[in-house]
Every structure is written in structure tokens, then in C-alpha cells.
PDB file of N, CA and C in Angstrom:
ATOM      1  N   UNK A   1       0.868  -1.351  -0.147  1.00  0.00           N
ATOM      2  CA  UNK A   1      -0.299  -0.030  -0.440  1.00  0.00           C
ATOM      3  C   UNK A   1       1.080   1.373  -0.087  1.00  0.00           C
ATOM      4  N   UNK A   2       0.715   2.159  -0.720  1.00  0.00           N
ATOM      5  CA  UNK A   2       1.036   3.917  -1.155  1.00  0.00           C
ATOM      6  C   UNK A   2       1.197   4.339   0.191  1.00  0.00           C
ATOM      7  N   UNK A   3       2.218   4.798   0.600  1.00  0.00           N
ATOM      8  CA  UNK A   3       2.001   5.939   1.214  1.00  0.00           C
ATOM      9  C   UNK A   3       1.154   7.157   0.941  1.00  0.00           C
ATOM     10  N   UNK A   4       0.264   7.358   2.274  1.00  0.00           N
ATOM     11  CA  UNK A   4      -0.395   8.698   1.642  1.00  0.00           C
ATOM     12  C   UNK A   4      -0.551   9.654   2.866  1.00  0.00           C
ATOM     13  N   UNK A   5      -0.622  10.596   3.074  1.00  0.00           N
ATOM     14  CA  UNK A   5      -0.753  11.956   4.549  1.00  0.00           C
ATOM     15  C   UNK A   5      -2.769  11.552   4.836  1.00  0.00           C
ATOM     16  N   UNK A   6      -2.987  11.490   5.847  1.00  0.00           N
ATOM     17  CA  UNK A   6      -4.250  10.977   6.216  1.00  0.00           C
ATOM     18  C   UNK A   6      -4.635  12.136   7.587  1.00  0.00           C
ATOM     19  N   UNK A   7      -5.935  12.212   7.426  1.00  0.00           N
ATOM     20  CA  UNK A   7      -6.600  12.844   8.216  1.00  0.00           C
ATOM     21  C   UNK A   7      -8.015  12.966   8.646  1.00  0.00           C
ATOM     22  N   UNK A   8      -8.317  14.106   9.215  1.00  0.00           N
ATOM     23  CA  UNK A   8     -10.143  13.355   9.343  1.00  0.00           C
ATOM     24  C   UNK A   8     -10.776  14.654   8.244  1.00  0.00           C
ATOM     25  N   UNK A   9     -10.211  14.861   7.115  1.00  0.00           N
ATOM     26  CA  UNK A   9     -10.298  15.416   6.182  1.00  0.00           C
ATOM     27  C   UNK A   9     -10.871  14.436   5.004  1.00  0.00           C
ATOM     28  N   UNK A  10     -10.249  13.868   5.117  1.00  0.00           N
ATOM     29  CA  UNK A  10      -9.743  12.532   4.179  1.00  0.00           C
ATOM     30  C   UNK A  10      -9.990  11.222   4.525  1.00  0.00           C
ATOM     31  N   UNK A  11     -10.071  10.877   5.745  1.00  0.00           N
ATOM     32  CA  UNK A  11     -10.115   9.119   6.625  1.00  0.00           C
ATOM     33  C   UNK A  11     -11.699   9.037   6.367  1.00  0.00           C
ATOM     34  N   UNK A  12     -11.921   7.597   6.291  1.00  0.00           N
ATOM     35  CA  UNK A  12     -13.401   7.179   6.533  1.00  0.00           C
ATOM     36  C   UNK A  12     -13.883   7.223   7.390  1.00  0.00           C
ATOM     37  N   UNK A  13     -14.901   8.043   7.777  1.00  0.00           N
ATOM     38  CA  UNK A  13     -16.142   8.788   8.914  1.00  0.00           C
ATOM     39  C   UNK A  13     -17.141   7.775   9.006  1.00  0.00           C
ATOM     40  N   UNK A  14     -17.209   7.901  10.347  1.00  0.00           N
ATOM     41  CA  UNK A  14     -18.545   6.992  11.083  1.00  0.00           C
ATOM     42  C   UNK A  14     -19.096   7.893  12.378  1.00  0.00           C
ATOM     43  N   UNK A  15     -20.223   7.752  12.569  1.00  0.00           N
ATOM     44  CA  UNK A  15     -20.862   8.448  13.589  1.00  0.00           C
ATOM     45  C   UNK A  15     -21.282   7.218  14.749  1.00  0.00           C
ATOM     46  N   UNK A  16     -21.059   7.772  15.724  1.00  0.00           N
ATOM     47  CA  UNK A  16     -21.445   6.597  16.997  1.00  0.00           C
ATOM     48  C   UNK A  16     -22.205   7.434  18.048  1.00  0.00           C
ATOM     49  N   UNK A  17     -22.624   6.777  19.081  1.00  0.00           N
ATOM     50  CA  UNK A  17     -23.348   7.269  20.394  1.00  0.00           C
ATOM     51  C   UNK A  17     -24.228   8.214  20.391  1.00  0.00           C
ATOM     52  N   UNK A  18     -24.046   9.428  21.499  1.00  0.00           N
ATOM     53  CA  UNK A  18     -24.780  10.732  20.896  1.00  0.00           C
ATOM     54  C   UNK A  18     -24.339  11.774  20.166  1.00  0.00           C
ATOM     55  N   UNK A  19     -24.156  11.762  18.988  1.00  0.00           N
ATOM     56  CA  UNK A  19     -23.227  12.683  18.175  1.00  0.00           C
ATOM     57  C   UNK A  19     -22.120  12.997  17.763  1.00  0.00           C
ATOM     58  N   UNK A  20     -21.426  11.774  18.333  1.00  0.00           N
ATOM     59  CA  UNK A  20     -19.769  11.712  18.891  1.00  0.00           C
ATOM     60  C   UNK A  20     -19.503  11.149  17.267  1.00  0.00           C
ATOM     61  N   UNK A  21     -18.493  11.245  17.005  1.00  0.00           N
ATOM     62  CA  UNK A  21     -17.583  11.192  15.346  1.00  0.00           C
ATOM     63  C   UNK A  21     -16.474  10.508  15.088  1.00  0.00           C
ATOM     64  N   UNK A  22     -15.963   9.539  14.573  1.00  0.00           N
ATOM     65  CA  UNK A  22     -14.945   8.935  14.290  1.00  0.00           C
ATOM     66  C   UNK A  22     -14.411   9.002  13.341  1.00  0.00           C
ATOM     67  N   UNK A  23     -13.174   8.693  12.940  1.00  0.00           N
ATOM     68  CA  UNK A  23     -12.346   8.752  11.164  1.00  0.00           C
ATOM     69  C   UNK A  23     -11.636   7.843  11.939  1.00  0.00           C
ATOM     70  N   UNK A  24     -11.605   6.832  10.809  1.00  0.00           N
ATOM     71  CA  UNK A  24     -10.302   5.938  10.504  1.00  0.00           C
ATOM     72  C   UNK A  24      -9.045   6.594   9.780  1.00  0.00           C
ATOM     73  N   UNK A  25      -8.211   6.462  10.804  1.00  0.00           N
ATOM     74  CA  UNK A  25      -6.670   6.796  10.371  1.00  0.00           C
ATOM     75  C   UNK A  25      -5.833   5.752   9.985  1.00  0.00           C
ATOM     76  N   UNK A  26      -6.195   4.811  10.597  1.00  0.00           N
ATOM     77  CA  UNK A  26      -5.550   2.988  10.204  1.00  0.00           C
ATOM     78  C   UNK A  26      -6.486   1.615  10.423  1.00  0.00           C
ATOM     79  N   UNK A  27      -6.413   1.394   9.415  1.00  0.00           N
ATOM     80  CA  UNK A  27      -7.920   0.677   9.424  1.00  0.00           C
ATOM     81  C   UNK A  27      -7.149  -0.944   8.674  1.00  0.00           C
ATOM     82  N   UNK A  28      -6.559  -1.842   9.830  1.00  0.00           N
ATOM     83  CA  UNK A  28      -5.850  -2.888   8.840  1.00  0.00           C
ATOM     84  C   UNK A  28      -6.387  -4.020   9.782  1.00  0.00           C
ATOM     85  N   UNK A  29      -6.308  -5.037   9.583  1.00  0.00           N
ATOM     86  CA  UNK A  29      -6.722  -6.209  10.055  1.00  0.00           C
ATOM     87  C   UNK A  29      -6.020  -6.487  11.546  1.00  0.00           C
ATOM     88  N   UNK A  30      -4.982  -6.022  11.399  1.00  0.00           N
ATOM     89  CA  UNK A  30      -4.260  -5.953  12.672  1.00  0.00           C
ATOM     90  C   UNK A  30      -3.902  -5.121  13.805  1.00  0.00           C
ATOM     91  N   UNK A  31      -4.045  -3.262  12.957  1.00  0.00           N
ATOM     92  CA  UNK A  31      -4.526  -2.397  14.000  1.00  0.00           C
ATOM     93  C   UNK A  31      -5.386  -1.545  13.627  1.00  0.00           C
ATOM     94  N   UNK A  32      -6.140  -0.453  14.342  1.00  0.00           N
ATOM     95  CA  UNK A  32      -6.817   0.030  14.683  1.00  0.00           C
ATOM     96  C   UNK A  32      -6.533   1.670  14.933  1.00  0.00           C
ATOM     97  N   UNK A  33      -6.351   2.455  14.145  1.00  0.00           N
ATOM     98  CA  UNK A  33      -6.147   3.754  15.136  1.00  0.00           C
ATOM     99  C   UNK A  33      -7.294   4.834  14.491  1.00  0.00           C
ATOM    100  N   UNK A  34      -8.234   5.678  15.828  1.00  0.00           N
ATOM    101  CA  UNK A  34      -9.224   6.224  15.031  1.00  0.00           C
ATOM    102  C   UNK A  34      -9.127   7.383  15.800  1.00  0.00           C
ATOM    103  N   UNK A  35      -9.399   8.579  15.206  1.00  0.00           N
ATOM    104  CA  UNK A  35      -9.830   9.631  15.905  1.00  0.00           C
ATOM    105  C   UNK A  35     -11.161   9.929  16.344  1.00  0.00           C
ATOM    106  N   UNK A  36     -11.234  10.004  17.549  1.00  0.00           N
ATOM    107  CA  UNK A  36     -12.831  10.433  18.022  1.00  0.00           C
ATOM    108  C   UNK A  36     -13.119  11.728  18.463  1.00  0.00           C
ATOM    109  N   UNK A  37     -14.682  12.263  18.477  1.00  0.00           N
ATOM    110  CA  UNK A  37     -14.734  13.637  18.756  1.00  0.00           C
ATOM    111  C   UNK A  37     -15.716  13.415  19.734  1.00  0.00           C
ATOM    112  N   UNK A  38     -15.645  13.688  20.662  1.00  0.00           N
ATOM    113  CA  UNK A  38     -16.845  13.702  21.480  1.00  0.00           C
ATOM    114  C   UNK A  38     -17.270  14.920  22.208  1.00  0.00           C
ATOM    115  N   UNK A  39     -19.063  15.203  22.041  1.00  0.00           N
ATOM    116  CA  UNK A  39     -19.330  16.573  22.741  1.00  0.00           C
ATOM    117  C   UNK A  39     -19.344  16.733  23.842  1.00  0.00           C
ATOM    118  N   UNK A  40     -19.482  18.095  24.192  1.00  0.00           N
ATOM    119  CA  UNK A  40     -19.748  18.277  26.050  1.00  0.00           C
ATOM    120  C   UNK A  40     -20.723  17.239  26.190  1.00  0.00           C
ATOM    121  N   UNK A  41     -20.544  16.549  27.640  1.00  0.00           N
ATOM    122  CA  UNK A  41     -21.867  15.431  27.880  1.00  0.00           C
ATOM    123  C   UNK A  41     -21.750  14.321  27.375  1.00  0.00           C
ATOM    124  N   UNK A  42     -21.050  13.902  26.531  1.00  0.00           N
ATOM    125  CA  UNK A  42     -21.151  12.775  25.522  1.00  0.00           C
ATOM    126  C   UNK A  42     -20.851  11.721  26.468  1.00  0.00           C
ATOM    127  N   UNK A  43     -21.257  10.240  26.291  1.00  0.00           N
ATOM    128  CA  UNK A  43     -20.091   8.999  26.865  1.00  0.00           C
ATOM    129  C   UNK A  43     -21.329   7.727  26.511  1.00  0.00           C
ATOM    130  N   UNK A  44     -20.363   6.953  26.620  1.00  0.00           N
ATOM    131  CA  UNK A  44     -20.491   5.455  25.937  1.00  0.00           C
ATOM    132  C   UNK A  44     -21.073   4.737  26.857  1.00  0.00           C
ATOM    133  N   UNK A  45     -21.389   3.754  26.376  1.00  0.00           N
ATOM    134  CA  UNK A  45     -21.901   2.448  27.389  1.00  0.00           C
ATOM    135  C   UNK A  45     -20.959   1.514  27.759  1.00  0.00           C
ATOM    136  N   UNK A  46     -20.641   1.158  29.197  1.00  0.00           N
ATOM    137  CA  UNK A  46     -19.921   0.106  29.711  1.00  0.00           C
ATOM    138  C   UNK A  46     -19.878  -0.798  28.867  1.00  0.00           C
ATOM    139  N   UNK A  47     -18.530  -1.229  28.979  1.00  0.00           N
ATOM    140  CA  UNK A  47     -18.065  -2.656  27.550  1.00  0.00           C
ATOM    141  C   UNK A  47     -16.670  -2.986  27.750  1.00  0.00           C
ATOM    142  N   UNK A  48     -16.372  -3.850  27.641  1.00  0.00           N
ATOM    143  CA  UNK A  48     -15.340  -4.640  27.817  1.00  0.00           C
ATOM    144  C   UNK A  48     -14.945  -5.164  25.991  1.00  0.00           C
ATOM    145  N   UNK A  49     -13.858  -5.713  25.603  1.00  0.00           N
ATOM    146  CA  UNK A  49     -13.350  -6.399  24.481  1.00  0.00           C
ATOM    147  C   UNK A  49     -12.906  -7.521  25.030  1.00  0.00           C
ATOM    148  N   UNK A  50     -12.585  -8.288  23.914  1.00  0.00           N
ATOM    149  CA  UNK A  50     -12.419 -10.014  24.454  1.00  0.00           C
ATOM    150  C   UNK A  50     -10.883  -9.790  24.076  1.00  0.00           C
ATOM    151  N   UNK A  51     -10.475  -9.406  23.024  1.00  0.00           N
ATOM    152  CA  UNK A  51      -9.202  -9.562  22.170  1.00  0.00           C
ATOM    153  C   UNK A  51      -8.656  -8.286  22.087  1.00  0.00           C
ATOM    154  N   UNK A  52      -9.206  -7.160  22.140  1.00  0.00           N
ATOM    155  CA  UNK A  52      -8.535  -5.851  21.603  1.00  0.00           C
ATOM    156  C   UNK A  52      -7.878  -5.328  23.187  1.00  0.00           C
ATOM    157  N   UNK A  53      -6.384  -4.879  22.842  1.00  0.00           N
ATOM    158  CA  UNK A  53      -6.330  -3.772  23.646  1.00  0.00           C
ATOM    159  C   UNK A  53      -5.787  -2.629  23.210  1.00  0.00           C
ATOM    160  N   UNK A  54      -6.460  -1.566  24.399  1.00  0.00           N
ATOM    161  CA  UNK A  54      -6.546   0.212  23.649  1.00  0.00           C
ATOM    162  C   UNK A  54      -5.662   1.086  24.187  1.00  0.00           C
ATOM    163  N   UNK A  55      -5.181   1.888  23.471  1.00  0.00           N
ATOM    164  CA  UNK A  55      -4.868   3.161  24.532  1.00  0.00           C
ATOM    165  C   UNK A  55      -5.314   4.560  23.836  1.00  0.00           C
ATOM    166  N   UNK A  56      -6.194   4.912  24.743  1.00  0.00           N
ATOM    167  CA  UNK A  56      -7.032   6.144  24.540  1.00  0.00           C
ATOM    168  C   UNK A  56      -6.264   7.389  24.826  1.00  0.00           C
ATOM    169  N   UNK A  57      -5.452   8.509  23.553  1.00  0.00           N
ATOM    170  CA  UNK A  57      -4.621   9.552  23.865  1.00  0.00           C
ATOM    171  C   UNK A  57      -5.561  10.984  23.314  1.00  0.00           C
ATOM    172  N   UNK A  58      -5.348  11.359  24.730  1.00  0.00           N
ATOM    173  CA  UNK A  58      -6.236  12.677  24.394  1.00  0.00           C
ATOM    174  C   UNK A  58      -5.230  14.058  23.774  1.00  0.00           C
ATOM    175  N   UNK A  59      -5.988  14.751  22.812  1.00  0.00           N
ATOM    176  CA  UNK A  59      -5.632  15.788  21.976  1.00  0.00           C
ATOM    177  C   UNK A  59      -6.025  17.282  22.292  1.00  0.00           C
ATOM    178  N   UNK A  60      -7.606  16.954  22.841  1.00  0.00           N
ATOM    179  CA  UNK A  60      -7.794  18.098  23.356  1.00  0.00           C
ATOM    180  C   UNK A  60      -9.172  17.870  24.052  1.00  0.00           C
ATOM    181  N   UNK A  61      -9.335  18.884  25.231  1.00  0.00           N
ATOM    182  CA  UNK A  61     -10.289  18.648  26.228  1.00  0.00           C
ATOM    183  C   UNK A  61      -9.348  17.804  27.551  1.00  0.00           C
ATOM    184  N   UNK A  62     -11.209  16.995  28.313  1.00  0.00           N
ATOM    185  CA  UNK A  62     -10.531  16.042  28.821  1.00  0.00           C
ATOM    186  C   UNK A  62     -11.512  14.435  28.877  1.00  0.00           C
ATOM    187  N   UNK A  63     -10.993  13.835  29.043  1.00  0.00           N
ATOM    188  CA  UNK A  63     -11.471  12.612  29.113  1.00  0.00           C
ATOM    189  C   UNK A  63     -11.425  11.754  30.657  1.00  0.00           C
ATOM    190  N   UNK A  64     -13.048  11.837  30.809  1.00  0.00           N
ATOM    191  CA  UNK A  64     -12.871  10.807  31.575  1.00  0.00           C
ATOM    192  C   UNK A  64     -13.104   9.218  31.336  1.00  0.00           C
ATOM    193  N   UNK A  65     -12.550   8.400  31.728  1.00  0.00           N
ATOM    194  CA  UNK A  65     -12.142   7.056  31.753  1.00  0.00           C
ATOM    195  C   UNK A  65     -12.615   6.178  32.942  1.00  0.00           C
ATOM    196  N   UNK A  66     -13.783   5.659  32.932  1.00  0.00           N
ATOM    197  CA  UNK A  66     -14.328   4.658  34.126  1.00  0.00           C
ATOM    198  C   UNK A  66     -13.466   3.244  33.483  1.00  0.00           C
ATOM    199  N   UNK A  67     -12.882   2.865  34.343  1.00  0.00           N
ATOM    200  CA  UNK A  67     -11.978   1.714  34.197  1.00  0.00           C
ATOM    201  C   UNK A  67     -12.574   0.868  35.405  1.00  0.00           C
ATOM    202  N   UNK A  68     -13.214  -0.417  35.180  1.00  0.00           N
ATOM    203  CA  UNK A  68     -13.199  -1.455  36.342  1.00  0.00           C
ATOM    204  C   UNK A  68     -14.340  -0.453  37.277  1.00  0.00           C
ATOM    205  N   UNK A  69     -15.258   0.410  37.090  1.00  0.00           N
ATOM    206  CA  UNK A  69     -16.097   1.332  37.970  1.00  0.00           C
ATOM    207  C   UNK A  69     -15.168   2.218  38.485  1.00  0.00           C
ATOM    208  N   UNK A  70     -13.843   2.410  38.573  1.00  0.00           N
ATOM    209  CA  UNK A  70     -12.937   3.942  38.770  1.00  0.00           C
ATOM    210  C   UNK A  70     -12.814   4.561  37.935  1.00  0.00           C
ATOM    211  N   UNK A  71     -13.172   6.073  38.302  1.00  0.00           N
ATOM    212  CA  UNK A  71     -12.504   7.152  37.186  1.00  0.00           C
ATOM    213  C   UNK A  71     -11.241   7.675  37.362  1.00  0.00           C
ATOM    214  N   UNK A  72     -10.690   7.345  36.012  1.00  0.00           N
ATOM    215  CA  UNK A  72      -9.370   8.265  35.670  1.00  0.00           C
ATOM    216  C   UNK A  72      -9.650   9.232  34.417  1.00  0.00           C
ATOM    217  N   UNK A  73      -9.107  10.583  34.996  1.00  0.00           N
ATOM    218  CA  UNK A  73      -9.088  11.996  34.224  1.00  0.00           C
ATOM    219  C   UNK A  73      -7.950  11.930  33.281  1.00  0.00           C
ATOM    220  N   UNK A  74      -7.986  11.902  31.903  1.00  0.00           N
ATOM    221  CA  UNK A  74      -6.822  12.470  31.121  1.00  0.00           C
ATOM    222  C   UNK A  74      -7.001  13.538  30.633  1.00  0.00           C
ATOM    223  N   UNK A  75      -5.975  14.586  30.597  1.00  0.00           N
ATOM    224  CA  UNK A  75      -6.032  16.013  29.962  1.00  0.00           C
ATOM    225  C   UNK A  75      -4.792  15.629  28.642  1.00  0.00           C
ATOM    226  N   UNK A  76      -5.340  16.720  27.406  1.00  0.00           N
ATOM    227  CA  UNK A  76      -4.862  16.776  26.744  1.00  0.00           C
ATOM    228  C   UNK A  76      -2.973  16.448  26.804  1.00  0.00           C
ATOM    229  N   UNK A  77      -2.454  15.254  25.901  1.00  0.00           N
ATOM    230  CA  UNK A  77      -1.184  14.938  26.071  1.00  0.00           C
ATOM    231  C   UNK A  77      -1.110  13.862  26.966  1.00  0.00           C
ATOM    232  N   UNK A  78      -2.112  13.455  27.522  1.00  0.00           N
ATOM    233  CA  UNK A  78      -1.884  12.241  28.385  1.00  0.00           C
ATOM    234  C   UNK A  78      -2.877  11.160  27.770  1.00  0.00           C
ATOM    235  N   UNK A  79      -2.858   9.758  28.280  1.00  0.00           N
ATOM    236  CA  UNK A  79      -3.515   8.856  27.770  1.00  0.00           C
ATOM    237  C   UNK A  79      -3.617   7.592  29.022  1.00  0.00           C
ATOM    238  N   UNK A  80      -4.319   6.562  28.495  1.00  0.00           N
ATOM    239  CA  UNK A  80      -4.797   5.456  29.494  1.00  0.00           C
ATOM    240  C   UNK A  80      -4.976   4.315  28.461  1.00  0.00           C
ATOM    241  N   UNK A  81      -4.372   3.351  29.231  1.00  0.00           N
ATOM    242  CA  UNK A  81      -4.235   2.166  28.297  1.00  0.00           C
ATOM    243  C   UNK A  81      -5.375   1.137  28.826  1.00  0.00           C
ATOM    244  N   UNK A  82      -6.177   0.514  28.395  1.00  0.00           N
ATOM    245  CA  UNK A  82      -7.108  -0.464  28.737  1.00  0.00           C
ATOM    246  C   UNK A  82      -6.813  -2.123  28.137  1.00  0.00           C
ATOM    247  N   UNK A  83      -6.591  -3.136  29.236  1.00  0.00           N
ATOM    248  CA  UNK A  83      -6.163  -4.357  28.944  1.00  0.00           C
ATOM    249  C   UNK A  83      -7.384  -5.045  28.365  1.00  0.00           C
ATOM    250  N   UNK A  84      -7.523  -6.113  27.554  1.00  0.00           N
ATOM    251  CA  UNK A  84      -8.702  -6.862  27.430  1.00  0.00           C
ATOM    252  C   UNK A  84      -9.472  -7.180  28.547  1.00  0.00           C
ATOM    253  N   UNK A  85     -10.573  -7.261  28.223  1.00  0.00           N
ATOM    254  CA  UNK A  85     -11.166  -8.248  29.564  1.00  0.00           C
ATOM    255  C   UNK A  85     -11.370  -6.673  30.563  1.00  0.00           C
ATOM    256  N   UNK A  86     -11.128  -5.328  30.411  1.00  0.00           N
ATOM    257  CA  UNK A  86     -11.535  -4.641  31.647  1.00  0.00           C
ATOM    258  C   UNK A  86     -12.567  -3.651  30.953  1.00  0.00           C
ATOM    259  N   UNK A  87     -13.578  -3.699  32.206  1.00  0.00           N
ATOM    260  CA  UNK A  87     -15.026  -2.915  31.698  1.00  0.00           C
ATOM    261  C   UNK A  87     -14.370  -1.752  31.214  1.00  0.00           C
ATOM    262  N   UNK A  88     -14.668  -0.985  30.391  1.00  0.00           N
ATOM    263  CA  UNK A  88     -14.273   0.869  30.866  1.00  0.00           C
ATOM    264  C   UNK A  88     -15.513   1.732  29.923  1.00  0.00           C
ATOM    265  N   UNK A  89     -15.295   3.040  29.993  1.00  0.00           N
ATOM    266  CA  UNK A  89     -16.708   4.016  29.580  1.00  0.00           C
ATOM    267  C   UNK A  89     -15.704   5.392  29.403  1.00  0.00           C
ATOM    268  N   UNK A  90     -15.658   5.648  28.295  1.00  0.00           N
ATOM    269  CA  UNK A  90     -15.463   6.774  27.989  1.00  0.00           C
ATOM    270  C   UNK A  90     -16.243   7.954  27.840  1.00  0.00           C
ATOM    271  N   UNK A  91     -15.989   9.096  28.881  1.00  0.00           N
ATOM    272  CA  UNK A  91     -16.859  10.327  28.504  1.00  0.00           C
ATOM    273  C   UNK A  91     -16.123  11.460  28.785  1.00  0.00           C
ATOM    274  N   UNK A  92     -16.963  12.481  28.089  1.00  0.00           N
ATOM    275  CA  UNK A  92     -17.097  14.293  28.284  1.00  0.00           C
ATOM    276  C   UNK A  92     -17.886  14.559  29.409  1.00  0.00           C
ATOM    277  N   UNK A  93     -17.168  14.733  30.353  1.00  0.00           N
ATOM    278  CA  UNK A  93     -18.049  15.292  31.186  1.00  0.00           C
ATOM    279  C   UNK A  93     -18.154  17.178  31.127  1.00  0.00           C
ATOM    280  N   UNK A  94     -17.380  17.319  30.529  1.00  0.00           N
ATOM    281  CA  UNK A  94     -17.211  19.025  30.217  1.00  0.00           C
ATOM    282  C   UNK A  94     -18.639  19.562  29.925  1.00  0.00           C
ATOM    283  N   UNK A  95     -19.000  20.683  30.600  1.00  0.00           N
ATOM    284  CA  UNK A  95     -20.504  21.488  30.042  1.00  0.00           C
ATOM    285  C   UNK A  95     -20.546  22.090  28.882  1.00  0.00           C
ATOM    286  N   UNK A  96     -18.899  22.357  28.609  1.00  0.00           N
ATOM    287  CA  UNK A  96     -18.783  23.051  26.806  1.00  0.00           C
ATOM    288  C   UNK A  96     -17.701  22.822  26.184  1.00  0.00           C
ATOM    289  N   UNK A  97     -17.142  22.225  26.641  1.00  0.00           N
ATOM    290  CA  UNK A  97     -15.492  21.917  25.920  1.00  0.00           C
ATOM    291  C   UNK A  97     -15.551  20.605  25.560  1.00  0.00           C
ATOM    292  N   UNK A  98     -15.617  20.290  23.615  1.00  0.00           N
ATOM    293  CA  UNK A  98     -15.350  18.812  23.354  1.00  0.00           C
ATOM    294  C   UNK A  98     -14.360  18.229  23.428  1.00  0.00           C
ATOM    295  N   UNK A  99     -14.266  16.879  23.446  1.00  0.00           N
ATOM    296  CA  UNK A  99     -13.186  16.288  23.299  1.00  0.00           C
ATOM    297  C   UNK A  99     -12.753  15.319  22.062  1.00  0.00           C
ATOM    298  N   UNK A 100     -11.598  15.671  21.986  1.00  0.00           N
ATOM    299  CA  UNK A 100     -10.960  14.631  20.909  1.00  0.00           C
ATOM    300  C   UNK A 100      -9.923  13.780  21.436  1.00  0.00           C
ATOM    301  N   UNK A 101      -9.991  12.708  20.970  1.00  0.00           N
ATOM    302  CA  UNK A 101      -8.910  11.543  21.829  1.00  0.00           C
ATOM    303  C   UNK A 101      -8.455  10.605  20.167  1.00  0.00           C
ATOM    304  N   UNK A 102      -7.551  10.325  20.246  1.00  0.00           N
ATOM    305  CA  UNK A 102      -7.224   9.286  19.264  1.00  0.00           C
ATOM    306  C   UNK A 102      -6.971   7.839  19.973  1.00  0.00           C
ATOM    307  N   UNK A 103      -7.804   6.696  19.458  1.00  0.00           N
ATOM    308  CA  UNK A 103      -8.036   5.610  19.755  1.00  0.00           C
ATOM    309  C   UNK A 103      -6.996   4.832  19.231  1.00  0.00           C
ATOM    310  N   UNK A 104      -6.291   3.802  19.978  1.00  0.00           N
ATOM    311  CA  UNK A 104      -5.518   2.920  19.194  1.00  0.00           C
ATOM    312  C   UNK A 104      -5.837   1.635  19.776  1.00  0.00           C
ATOM    313  N   UNK A 105      -6.328   0.422  18.925  1.00  0.00           N
ATOM    314  CA  UNK A 105      -6.743  -0.754  18.772  1.00  0.00           C
ATOM    315  C   UNK A 105      -6.322  -1.908  18.015  1.00  0.00           C
ATOM    316  N   UNK A 106      -5.627  -2.714  19.297  1.00  0.00           N
ATOM    317  CA  UNK A 106      -4.782  -4.035  18.719  1.00  0.00           C
ATOM    318  C   UNK A 106      -5.020  -5.280  19.079  1.00  0.00           C
ATOM    319  N   UNK A 107      -5.695  -6.148  18.384  1.00  0.00           N
ATOM    320  CA  UNK A 107      -6.366  -5.957  17.408  1.00  0.00           C
ATOM    321  C   UNK A 107      -6.930  -5.289  16.877  1.00  0.00           C
ATOM    322  N   UNK A 108      -7.901  -4.795  16.383  1.00  0.00           N
ATOM    323  CA  UNK A 108      -9.322  -3.946  16.130  1.00  0.00           C
ATOM    324  C   UNK A 108     -10.410  -4.028  17.275  1.00  0.00           C
ATOM    325  N   UNK A 109     -10.666  -2.901  17.312  1.00  0.00           N
ATOM    326  CA  UNK A 109     -11.912  -3.295  18.606  1.00  0.00           C
ATOM    327  C   UNK A 109     -13.522  -3.276  18.394  1.00  0.00           C
ATOM    328  N   UNK A 110     -13.805  -2.852  16.530  1.00  0.00           N
ATOM    329  CA  UNK A 110     -14.610  -3.063  16.368  1.00  0.00           C
ATOM    330  C   UNK A 110     -15.466  -4.972  15.799  1.00  0.00           C
ATOM    331  N   UNK A 111     -16.287  -5.243  16.549  1.00  0.00           N
ATOM    332  CA  UNK A 111     -17.314  -6.395  16.359  1.00  0.00           C
ATOM    333  C   UNK A 111     -16.184  -7.380  17.912  1.00  0.00           C
ATOM    334  N   UNK A 112     -15.511  -6.529  18.544  1.00  0.00           N
ATOM    335  CA  UNK A 112     -15.252  -7.511  19.548  1.00  0.00           C
ATOM    336  C   UNK A 112     -15.398  -7.215  20.877  1.00  0.00           C
ATOM    337  N   UNK A 113     -16.834  -6.097  20.748  1.00  0.00           N
ATOM    338  CA  UNK A 113     -17.111  -5.430  22.034  1.00  0.00           C
ATOM    339  C   UNK A 113     -18.134  -6.059  22.471  1.00  0.00           C
ATOM    340  N   UNK A 114     -18.208  -6.107  24.100  1.00  0.00           N
ATOM    341  CA  UNK A 114     -19.248  -6.866  24.671  1.00  0.00           C
ATOM    342  C   UNK A 114     -19.628  -5.919  25.585  1.00  0.00           C
ATOM    343  N   UNK A 115     -21.036  -5.331  25.484  1.00  0.00           N
ATOM    344  CA  UNK A 115     -21.610  -4.381  26.652  1.00  0.00           C
ATOM    345  C   UNK A 115     -21.955  -4.779  27.870  1.00  0.00           C
ATOM    346  N   UNK A 116     -21.926  -4.303  29.194  1.00  0.00           N
ATOM    347  CA  UNK A 116     -22.077  -4.530  30.514  1.00  0.00           C
ATOM    348  C   UNK A 116     -23.094  -3.614  30.999  1.00  0.00           C
ATOM    349  N   UNK A 117     -23.953  -4.406  31.720  1.00  0.00           N
ATOM    350  CA  UNK A 117     -24.948  -3.505  32.163  1.00  0.00           C
ATOM    351  C   UNK A 117     -24.290  -2.765  33.249  1.00  0.00           C
ATOM    352  N   UNK A 118     -24.573  -1.280  33.487  1.00  0.00           N
ATOM    353  CA  UNK A 118     -23.962  -0.510  34.352  1.00  0.00           C
ATOM    354  C   UNK A 118     -24.286  -0.574  35.888  1.00  0.00           C
TER     355      UNK A 118
END
């Protein structure tokens, strides 16, 4: 595959949750790197992945990540690793600032998700 510059302007886009956006920066059978945008107040459903190990890196805003029901806060320039099987839930608890993160998953997390009742 030839090299190319990729950004949210030319990456494959999808929407999820309540007005959240995702862009596949890398999408291969071995690796997935996604830039995501979460508006103020947005959150996902608690879940875990059977095989995927993930790393969430904050570009802008403040990520609150519940991991095994304990909250961790990561700010711009910080990240958090999630191991396979760990129950987690990302949220943007800000009332006025968007959250932009890069999520790296190996192997890819789509199709590997198991939702958990809160």
C-alpha cells in the first residue's frame, strides 16, 4: 500500500453514540487507529473487549475513563491503556468543551465489543 497523508479531512468517517464522530486513520486487520470527537456531556456504554488492547490519547479536552468502575481523568497530552477484558466507559463530562482523542486498538476493537450493564 502506498504511503499517504491521512487526516479527518480524508479518512473514512462514522458516527456513534449521541453525536460522536470517528475517523479511521489506520484500518487494517491487525491494527486500528481512530480519531474521535465527543461533544460536551457525551459518553459511551460500559463494555469490554475480548481481544483488543486499547490506548486512548487525549488531543483536546478532558477524558474521563471509568475502568472497572473507578474514574481516571486524562487531559491533553495524556493517555490511558485498557487491557482486554477490562470494563471501561469513556465520557466527556465537560459542560462546554469538546473532547478529541486518538484510540489505538490491537487487534481492531470493532466486532470485539461486549456491552455490560452499568
